[in-house]
Amino acid sequence: MGPDDSYFETIASLRRYLEELKESGVDGLPLLPEAGVPGPDSVAPSPLSGTGAADSLSMAEAAGSAAAVPLPGGETLGEIRSDLGECRRCALGAGRTTLVFGVGNPKARLLFVGEAPGREEDLRGEPFVGEAGQLLTRIIKAMGFAREEVYICNVLKCRPPGNRNPLPEEVEACSTFMLRQVRAIAPEAIVALGTFAAQALLGTKEPISKLRGVFHDYHGIPLMPTFHPAFLLRNPERKREVWEDMKQVMGRLGIATTPHKG
């Protein structure tokens, strides 16, 4: 049995409220300790900066903290997929060919999270199978893994029309299932591929160019944002930056790094 829907509705509502406050010009929330509650000095590190906040929590950090509330455990990916069903929780469900849940090792050490399925993924029901997926497979092999050894999924499970950018309500409808997938897999590290995957997981609006290159904390799991493989196809000169990111991930996993030839 999956987690109670009210749990996820509460988290989604909190995130919406925090975003509304941010848009209205509120930049931070005071952290006022209550009786028996740890004070500011014991605030957990920010998922964006990795440092504690003494007096206030930024709105981006607060949104990320809402997403970082521990999720109920004990689910399997099969149970989550069953709960997802023939999803119609947002308008994308009506236009898809196939729901794209995810593939790979259900107990993978390394999880790759993209933005949304493309045309080929929508037809085949598997993430990252087009040209960008072939490049991702080469990256995975260069890191010392077979594609089947890692887990690959997207934040959105349905293809946006024309591969347009995801809408906030679409991300919100899918995000709880993404969080549950992460909890079920319990990877040692996560790679967020592209701006929208990184923003959705970290609860921030920072672009990938500012997020990549350093680890961020996600439910206690080190998360490395990097450029999307589709971006690399258009900008092959940026592959070196992605490989530097992947070397950091390999180091975190205790894997020896070797020169990458692209």
Foldseek 3Di string as FASTA:
>chain_A
DADDPVLLVVLLVQLVVLVVCVVVPDFWDFFDDDVPGDAQVPAAAQLQPRHGDRTTDGSLSSSLVSQLDDGDADDFLVVLVVVCPLHPQDPLSVVFQEFAAKAADLQAQEEEEEAEADDVCSVVSYHLPPPLSVVVQLLQVLLPDHRRRYMYYYLARGADVVNDHDDPSRSSSRNVSVSRSCRRNVHQEYEYEAANSVCSQSSDNDGLVVRADAWGAGNNHTYGYDYRSVVCVVVVVCVVSVVNRSCVVSVSVVHDHDDDPD
